[in-house]
Amino acid sequence: MTDRPRFSFSVSATDGAARTGVIAMRRGDIRTPAFMPVGTAATVKAMKPAAVRATGADIILGNTYHLMLRPGAERIDRLGGLHGFMGWDRPILTDSGGYQVMSLADLRTMSEEGVAFKSHLDGSRHMLTPERSMEIQRLLDSDIVMAFDECTPHPATHAQAASSMERSMRWAKRSRAGFDAGGGHAERAALFGIQQGSLFEDLRRASSDALIDIGFDGYAVGGLAVGEGQAAMFGVLDSATAMLPADRPRYLMGVGKPDDIVGAVERGIDMFDCVLPTRSGRTGQAFTWDGPINIRNAKFAEDRAPLDPESPTAGWSRAYLHHLVRSGEILGAMLMTEHNLWFYQRLMAELRDAIAEGRLAAFAQAFRSRYRKAG
């Protein structure tokens, strides 16, 4: 791995605001636009690492908050780092814990220093600061480290969003310093900053300017997919994406549904993550080119067709999947999850090809027409 770059991003083709390219890192290349399966607790649920890779995934995501609580970042470090611990030898991005700052509001107290919170597992007390977040991600030995931020809840007034964004920018500066103090890890990993500002264009601009002044390897768009709806999200992306440097990857955090991803790619986003394909797989929802289906429905009880003839689950009928899921069999969750991750990676491959061939608008229109027709 020593002859590979720490981090580089190259764009090979553009189509409107969309682009396709490659992020090169020590543990492998990441083709963009990229979808990162979520491995919250050092596992992509119901999947072996080799099966995740076989779907086409170049990178996965781990969760700082959950891993610090169980099994503990120090323990993972003693065991050789997250890659060896979970058996995934390609890049891993770790989020900073900032989203849990918002989502676990009843368990935490926020201050300028950071966030004091009680574990949702056992009630134990912890303090998460920008410096501690950087330390945890160093102990995990992640390849892409996310700055610690406050994910602004929705809805928020302009004043509330401004205060939240400004604190995130102060934390971003501390995250940069904490990451740079990480010695060897800082020499082999990348650090991404996170743009905040809710739905307000002026705040997004101020946040972008602050992040660029600090300097990061890549930039995320945060604070979306928190209840604002697709139209509002796209409205933010229409301007917010272009505020970020064109020569760095742009990552839309926590998104999302397939049609969300297509629209965000059209607006210049390069990276995505979401629990939706794995969570939906475990609860009986499958994503298809004709829209999502609930395999529990009685109409699939004698359906001999596969979910998709090209899916890795094509050897099993919808009727069999219906039986497995209705019976609560573990294999049902495994096959449904594998199919969904395959579908998401196939969508990303189709998007990359469409951009490279200058036909993204036609692909997006055809995809939306077919995907939504059942609805």
Protein backbone atom coordinates (compact mmCIF):
# COMPACT_ATOMS: atom_id res chain seq x y z
CA MET A 1 0.00 0.00 0.00
CA THR A 2 2.96 2.33 0.46
CA ASP A 3 3.24 3.19 -3.23
CA ARG A 4 -0.35 4.36 -3.42
CA PRO A 5 -1.39 7.96 -2.70
CA ARG A 6 -2.71 9.04 0.68
CA PHE A 7 -5.61 10.70 -1.08
CA SER A 8 -6.28 12.07 -4.55
CA PHE A 9 -9.41 12.86 -6.53
CA SER A 10 -9.59 13.00 -10.32
CA VAL A 11 -12.60 13.77 -12.51
CA SER A 12 -12.70 11.82 -15.76
CA ALA A 13 -15.95 13.19 -17.23
CA THR A 14 -18.67 15.72 -16.53
CA ASP A 15 -22.26 16.08 -17.70
CA GLY A 16 -23.83 19.32 -16.54
CA ALA A 17 -23.05 19.64 -12.84
CA ALA A 18 -22.55 15.88 -12.49
CA ARG A 19 -19.15 14.27 -12.68
CA THR A 20 -17.57 10.84 -12.55
CA GLY A 21 -14.07 10.07 -11.40
CA VAL A 22 -11.89 8.22 -8.91
CA ILE A 23 -10.74 8.80 -5.35
CA ALA A 24 -7.40 7.02 -4.97
CA MET A 25 -6.33 5.94 -1.49
CA ARG A 26 -3.86 3.54 0.07
CA ARG A 27 -6.41 0.77 0.47
CA GLY A 28 -7.91 1.09 -3.00
CA ASP A 29 -9.77 3.23 -5.49
CA ILE A 30 -13.28 4.56 -4.98
CA ARG A 31 -15.27 5.07 -8.18
CA THR A 32 -17.52 8.11 -8.07
CA PRO A 33 -20.39 8.71 -7.81
CA ALA A 34 -20.11 6.17 -4.99
CA PHE A 35 -22.57 4.65 -2.55
CA MET A 36 -21.15 3.55 0.81
CA PRO A 37 -23.00 0.73 2.59
CA VAL A 38 -23.36 1.48 6.28
CA GLY A 39 -21.51 -0.78 8.72
CA THR A 40 -22.60 0.96 11.91
CA ALA A 41 -21.18 -1.49 14.46
CA ALA A 42 -18.29 -2.92 12.39
CA THR A 43 -20.66 -4.95 10.25
CA VAL A 44 -22.88 -4.33 7.25
CA LYS A 45 -25.83 -6.13 8.76
CA ALA A 46 -26.68 -9.57 7.34
CA MET A 47 -23.68 -9.46 4.97
CA LYS A 48 -20.16 -10.91 4.93
CA PRO A 49 -17.49 -8.41 3.78
CA ALA A 50 -16.76 -10.41 0.63
CA ALA A 51 -20.45 -10.33 -0.28
CA VAL A 52 -20.53 -6.55 0.23
CA ARG A 53 -17.55 -6.18 -2.08
CA ALA A 54 -19.17 -8.49 -4.65
CA THR A 55 -22.13 -6.10 -4.94
CA GLY A 56 -19.67 -3.47 -6.25
CA ALA A 57 -18.96 -1.46 -3.10
CA ASP A 58 -15.53 0.22 -3.00
CA ILE A 59 -15.89 1.72 0.49
CA ILE A 60 -18.07 1.27 3.57
CA LEU A 61 -18.98 3.49 6.52
CA GLY A 62 -18.44 2.88 10.22
CA ASN A 63 -19.98 4.81 13.11
CA THR A 64 -17.78 6.57 15.66
CA TYR A 65 -20.49 6.90 18.31
CA HIS A 66 -21.55 3.25 18.29
CA LEU A 67 -18.02 1.86 18.06
CA MET A 68 -16.76 4.03 20.92
CA LEU A 69 -19.47 2.53 23.12
CA ARG A 70 -19.15 -1.07 21.96
CA PRO A 71 -16.64 -2.69 21.70
CA GLY A 72 -14.64 0.52 22.31
CA ALA A 73 -12.13 2.31 20.10
CA GLU A 74 -9.19 1.41 22.34
CA ARG A 75 -10.07 -2.27 22.13
CA ILE A 76 -10.33 -2.14 18.34
CA ASP A 77 -6.95 -0.42 18.25
CA ARG A 78 -5.41 -3.17 20.41
CA LEU A 79 -6.86 -5.74 18.01
CA GLY A 80 -5.20 -4.09 15.01
CA GLY A 81 -7.76 -1.57 13.78
CA LEU A 82 -11.21 -1.67 12.27
CA HIS A 83 -10.23 -3.19 8.91
CA GLY A 84 -8.70 -6.34 10.38
CA PHE A 85 -11.31 -6.51 13.13
CA MET A 86 -14.18 -6.78 10.67
CA GLY A 87 -12.35 -8.34 7.73
CA TRP A 88 -12.70 -5.46 5.24
CA ASP A 89 -9.44 -4.52 3.50
CA ARG A 90 -10.67 -1.58 1.44
CA PRO A 91 -11.34 2.05 2.45
CA ILE A 92 -13.57 2.84 5.42
CA LEU A 93 -15.12 6.24 6.15
CA THR A 94 -16.06 6.89 9.76
CA ASP A 95 -18.63 9.50 10.67
CA SER A 96 -17.80 11.74 13.60
CA GLY A 97 -20.72 11.12 15.95
CA GLY A 98 -22.27 14.47 15.05
CA TYR A 99 -25.52 12.97 13.80
CA GLN A 100 -26.06 11.21 17.13
CA VAL A 101 -25.58 14.60 18.79
CA MET A 102 -28.85 15.55 17.12
CA SER A 103 -30.72 12.24 17.14
CA LEU A 104 -30.06 11.43 20.82
CA ALA A 105 -31.17 14.83 22.05
CA ASP A 106 -32.86 13.42 25.17
CA LEU A 107 -29.60 11.85 26.34
CA ARG A 108 -27.12 14.68 25.86
CA THR A 109 -26.04 18.15 26.94
CA MET A 110 -24.20 20.34 24.45
CA SER A 111 -21.62 23.01 25.24
CA GLU A 112 -18.83 24.78 23.41
CA GLU A 113 -16.45 22.06 24.59
CA GLY A 114 -18.48 19.23 23.05
CA VAL A 115 -21.33 16.92 23.95
CA ALA A 116 -21.84 15.14 27.26
CA PHE A 117 -24.21 12.23 26.89
CA LYS A 118 -25.47 9.04 28.46
CA SER A 119 -25.00 5.81 26.56
CA HIS A 120 -28.21 4.44 25.09
CA LEU A 121 -26.84 0.98 25.97
CA ASP A 122 -26.18 1.20 29.70
CA GLY A 123 -26.57 4.81 30.79
CA SER A 124 -22.82 5.34 31.28
CA ARG A 125 -21.64 8.93 30.86
CA HIS A 126 -19.29 10.07 28.10
CA MET A 127 -17.89 13.26 26.62
CA LEU A 128 -17.46 13.62 22.87
CA THR A 129 -15.44 16.61 21.66
CA PRO A 130 -13.81 17.38 18.32
CA GLU A 131 -10.49 16.20 19.74
CA ARG A 132 -11.95 12.96 21.13
CA SER A 133 -13.77 12.28 17.86
CA MET A 134 -10.47 12.61 15.98
CA GLU A 135 -8.78 10.33 18.53
CA ILE A 136 -11.47 7.65 18.18
CA GLN A 137 -11.28 7.71 14.39
CA ARG A 138 -7.48 7.46 14.62
CA LEU A 139 -7.77 4.43 16.92
CA LEU A 140 -10.16 2.85 14.42
CA ASP A 141 -7.59 3.64 11.68
CA SER A 142 -10.28 4.86 9.30
CA ASP A 143 -9.29 6.05 5.84
CA ILE A 144 -11.67 9.02 5.63
CA VAL A 145 -12.25 10.90 8.87
CA MET A 146 -15.20 13.25 9.29
CA ALA A 147 -14.92 16.50 11.23
CA PHE A 148 -17.04 16.70 14.38
CA ASP A 149 -20.10 18.85 13.85
CA GLU A 150 -23.57 19.60 15.10
CA CYS A 151 -26.22 18.35 12.69
CA THR A 152 -28.77 21.17 12.76
CA PRO A 153 -32.27 19.78 13.34
CA HIS A 154 -35.19 20.63 11.07
CA PRO A 155 -37.03 22.92 11.22
CA ALA A 156 -34.75 25.69 12.43
CA THR A 157 -35.03 29.46 12.32
CA HIS A 158 -32.29 31.46 10.61
CA ALA A 159 -30.91 32.46 14.01
CA GLN A 160 -30.91 28.88 15.29
CA ALA A 161 -29.28 27.58 12.12
CA ALA A 162 -26.65 30.33 12.22
CA SER A 163 -25.70 29.57 15.81
CA SER A 164 -25.49 25.85 15.08
CA MET A 165 -23.46 26.36 11.91
CA GLU A 166 -21.01 28.75 13.58
CA ARG A 167 -20.38 26.25 16.37
CA SER A 168 -19.78 23.53 13.78
CA MET A 169 -17.22 25.73 12.07
CA ARG A 170 -15.39 26.29 15.36
CA TRP A 171 -15.47 22.54 15.92
CA ALA A 172 -14.22 22.01 12.34
CA LYS A 173 -11.13 24.08 13.12
CA ARG A 174 -10.52 22.05 16.26
CA SER A 175 -11.10 18.83 14.31
CA ARG A 176 -8.46 19.91 11.79
CA ALA A 177 -5.94 20.54 14.59
CA GLY A 178 -6.82 17.29 16.34
CA PHE A 179 -6.49 15.29 13.13
CA ASP A 180 -3.15 16.89 12.25
CA ALA A 181 -1.84 15.98 15.70
CA GLY A 182 -2.57 12.31 14.98
CA GLY A 183 0.93 11.49 13.75
CA GLY A 184 1.14 8.57 11.35
CA HIS A 185 -2.61 8.30 10.91
CA ALA A 186 -2.79 11.85 9.55
CA GLU A 187 -0.14 10.88 7.00
CA ARG A 188 -2.21 8.02 5.59
CA ALA A 189 -5.84 9.17 6.04
CA ALA A 190 -8.02 12.02 4.73
CA LEU A 191 -10.14 14.54 6.61
CA PHE A 192 -13.49 15.87 5.34
CA GLY A 193 -15.23 19.02 6.56
CA ILE A 194 -19.01 19.27 6.80
CA GLN A 195 -21.01 22.19 5.41
CA GLN A 196 -23.99 23.22 7.55
CA GLY A 197 -26.59 25.98 7.37
CA SER A 198 -29.97 24.23 7.20
CA LEU A 199 -32.08 25.56 4.29
CA PHE A 200 -30.46 29.01 4.23
CA GLU A 201 -28.23 29.83 1.26
CA ASP A 202 -26.32 32.61 3.03
CA LEU A 203 -25.44 30.30 5.92
CA ARG A 204 -24.35 27.55 3.53
CA ARG A 205 -22.10 30.10 1.82
CA ALA A 206 -20.59 31.25 5.11
CA SER A 207 -20.02 27.66 6.17
CA SER A 208 -18.34 26.78 2.88
CA ASP A 209 -16.05 29.79 3.09
CA ALA A 210 -15.03 28.86 6.64
CA LEU A 211 -14.30 25.25 5.70
CA ILE A 212 -12.29 26.21 2.63
CA ASP A 213 -10.26 28.59 4.76
CA ILE A 214 -9.45 25.74 7.17
CA GLY A 215 -8.71 23.34 4.32
CA PHE A 216 -9.95 19.74 3.93
CA ASP A 217 -9.40 16.81 1.57
CA GLY A 218 -13.10 16.59 0.82
CA TYR A 219 -16.32 18.33 1.79
CA ALA A 220 -19.67 16.97 2.93
CA VAL A 221 -23.08 18.56 2.74
CA GLY A 222 -24.63 17.95 6.15
CA GLY A 223 -27.92 18.79 7.79
CA LEU A 224 -30.12 17.38 5.02
CA ALA A 225 -32.33 14.29 4.92
CA VAL A 226 -33.59 15.29 8.38
CA GLY A 227 -37.23 15.78 7.46
CA GLU A 228 -37.15 18.70 5.02
CA GLY A 229 -38.38 16.67 2.03
CA GLN A 230 -36.88 16.03 -1.37
CA ALA A 231 -37.88 19.32 -2.99
CA ALA A 232 -36.28 21.37 -0.20
CA MET A 233 -33.18 19.18 -0.24
CA PHE A 234 -32.75 19.63 -3.98
CA GLY A 235 -33.32 23.35 -3.54
CA VAL A 236 -30.38 23.51 -1.14
CA LEU A 237 -28.18 21.38 -3.41
CA ASP A 238 -28.92 23.63 -6.40
CA SER A 239 -26.62 26.20 -4.82
CA ALA A 240 -24.76 24.52 -1.95
CA THR A 241 -22.83 21.99 -4.01
CA ALA A 242 -21.25 24.64 -6.23
CA MET A 243 -20.02 26.51 -3.14
CA LEU A 244 -17.56 23.67 -2.49
CA PRO A 245 -14.24 23.22 -4.33
CA ALA A 246 -14.63 21.51 -7.70
CA ASP A 247 -11.36 19.63 -7.28
CA ARG A 248 -12.47 17.86 -4.08
CA PRO A 249 -15.11 15.15 -3.52
CA ARG A 250 -18.55 16.25 -2.35
CA TYR A 251 -20.38 13.92 0.01
CA LEU A 252 -24.11 14.13 0.80
CA MET A 253 -24.50 12.55 4.20
CA GLY A 254 -27.31 10.12 4.99
CA VAL A 255 -28.93 10.09 1.53
CA GLY A 256 -30.89 8.17 0.59
CA LYS A 257 -33.65 6.82 -1.61
CA PRO A 258 -32.67 5.90 -5.19
CA ASP A 259 -34.45 8.91 -6.70
CA ASP A 260 -32.78 11.16 -4.09
CA ILE A 261 -29.41 9.87 -5.25
CA VAL A 262 -30.13 10.43 -8.94
CA GLY A 263 -31.21 14.02 -8.32
CA ALA A 264 -28.20 14.71 -6.09
CA VAL A 265 -25.79 13.30 -8.69
CA GLU A 266 -27.35 15.66 -11.24
CA ARG A 267 -26.46 18.47 -8.81
CA GLY A 268 -22.80 17.49 -8.46
CA ILE A 269 -22.65 15.12 -5.48
CA ASP A 270 -19.98 12.38 -5.59
CA MET A 271 -20.54 10.27 -2.46
CA PHE A 272 -23.52 8.90 -0.54
CA ASP A 273 -24.34 6.69 2.43
CA CYS A 274 -27.63 5.49 3.87
CA VAL A 275 -28.97 2.67 6.04
CA LEU A 276 -32.01 2.35 3.77
CA PRO A 277 -30.96 -0.62 1.58
CA THR A 278 -29.86 -2.74 4.54
CA ARG A 279 -32.64 -1.71 6.93
CA SER A 280 -35.26 -2.16 4.24
CA GLY A 281 -33.87 -5.57 3.35
CA ARG A 282 -34.28 -6.75 6.94
CA THR A 283 -37.90 -5.56 7.01
CA GLY A 284 -39.00 -7.03 3.68
CA GLN A 285 -38.66 -4.10 1.26
CA ALA A 286 -36.78 -4.64 -1.99
CA PHE A 287 -35.65 -1.93 -4.38
CA THR A 288 -36.25 -2.57 -8.07
CA TRP A 289 -36.11 -0.53 -11.27
CA ASP A 290 -39.92 -0.41 -11.08
CA GLY A 291 -39.86 1.03 -7.57
CA PRO A 292 -39.75 -0.50 -4.09
CA ILE A 293 -41.86 -3.56 -3.31
CA ASN A 294 -42.95 -5.13 -0.03
CA ILE A 295 -42.16 -8.82 -0.41
CA ARG A 296 -44.53 -9.59 2.47
CA ASN A 297 -47.53 -8.80 0.28
CA ALA A 298 -49.76 -11.79 -0.50
CA LYS A 299 -49.46 -11.21 -4.25
CA PHE A 300 -45.88 -12.54 -4.11
CA ALA A 301 -46.82 -15.82 -2.41
CA GLU A 302 -46.76 -17.72 -5.72
CA ASP A 303 -44.63 -15.34 -7.84
CA ARG A 304 -41.94 -17.45 -9.52
CA ALA A 305 -39.99 -14.47 -10.89
CA PRO A 306 -36.79 -13.25 -9.21
CA LEU A 307 -36.46 -9.74 -7.85
CA ASP A 308 -34.24 -9.03 -10.85
CA PRO A 309 -32.78 -11.54 -13.35
CA GLU A 310 -29.32 -9.98 -12.90
CA SER A 311 -29.43 -9.79 -9.08
CA PRO A 312 -27.17 -12.13 -7.09
CA THR A 313 -30.43 -13.44 -5.61
CA ALA A 314 -31.84 -14.37 -9.04
CA GLY A 315 -31.71 -18.07 -8.12
CA TRP A 316 -34.53 -17.57 -5.63
CA SER A 317 -38.09 -16.60 -6.53
CA ARG A 318 -40.12 -13.80 -5.03
CA ALA A 319 -42.37 -16.53 -3.65
CA TYR A 320 -39.46 -18.05 -1.73
CA LEU A 321 -38.34 -14.65 -0.44
CA HIS A 322 -41.95 -13.97 0.59
CA HIS A 323 -41.95 -17.24 2.54
CA LEU A 324 -38.60 -16.52 4.23
CA VAL A 325 -39.52 -13.00 5.29
CA ARG A 326 -43.00 -13.91 6.49
CA SER A 327 -41.48 -16.80 8.46
CA GLY A 328 -38.82 -14.60 10.05
CA GLU A 329 -36.00 -16.71 8.64
CA ILE A 330 -32.50 -15.21 8.82
CA LEU A 331 -31.84 -16.14 5.19
CA GLY A 332 -34.65 -13.82 4.15
CA ALA A 333 -32.88 -10.80 5.66
CA MET A 334 -29.60 -11.90 4.10
CA LEU A 335 -30.95 -12.31 0.56
CA MET A 336 -33.07 -9.17 0.65
CA THR A 337 -30.14 -7.11 1.92
CA GLU A 338 -27.78 -8.54 -0.68
CA HIS A 339 -30.23 -7.70 -3.43
CA ASN A 340 -30.75 -4.13 -2.20
CA LEU A 341 -27.02 -3.43 -1.95
CA TRP A 342 -26.56 -4.88 -5.43
CA PHE A 343 -29.34 -2.64 -6.74
CA TYR A 344 -27.78 0.48 -5.23
CA GLN A 345 -24.35 -0.36 -6.63
CA ARG A 346 -25.86 -1.14 -10.03
CA LEU A 347 -27.58 2.26 -9.95
CA MET A 348 -24.24 3.95 -9.20
CA ALA A 349 -22.57 2.09 -12.08
CA GLU A 350 -25.35 3.15 -14.45
CA LEU A 351 -24.97 6.76 -13.29
CA ARG A 352 -21.20 6.66 -13.84
CA ASP A 353 -21.67 5.26 -17.34
CA ALA A 354 -24.36 7.81 -18.20
CA ILE A 355 -22.14 10.71 -17.11
CA ALA A 356 -19.15 9.34 -19.02
CA GLU A 357 -21.27 9.02 -22.16
CA GLY A 358 -22.99 12.40 -21.84
CA ARG A 359 -26.51 11.01 -21.47
CA LEU A 360 -27.26 11.63 -17.79
CA ALA A 361 -30.39 13.71 -18.41
CA ALA A 362 -31.94 10.97 -20.55
CA PHE A 363 -30.99 8.27 -18.05
CA ALA A 364 -32.39 10.26 -15.12
CA GLN A 365 -35.66 10.96 -16.90
CA ALA A 366 -36.10 7.31 -17.89
CA PHE A 367 -35.19 6.12 -14.40
CA ARG A 368 -37.66 8.43 -12.66
CA SER A 369 -40.45 7.58 -15.08
CA ARG A 370 -40.06 3.86 -14.53
CA TYR A 371 -39.20 3.94 -10.82
CA ARG A 372 -42.22 6.03 -9.88
CA LYS A 373 -44.81 4.46 -12.14
CA ALA A 374 -46.15 2.10 -9.46
CA GLY A 375 -46.68 5.06 -7.15
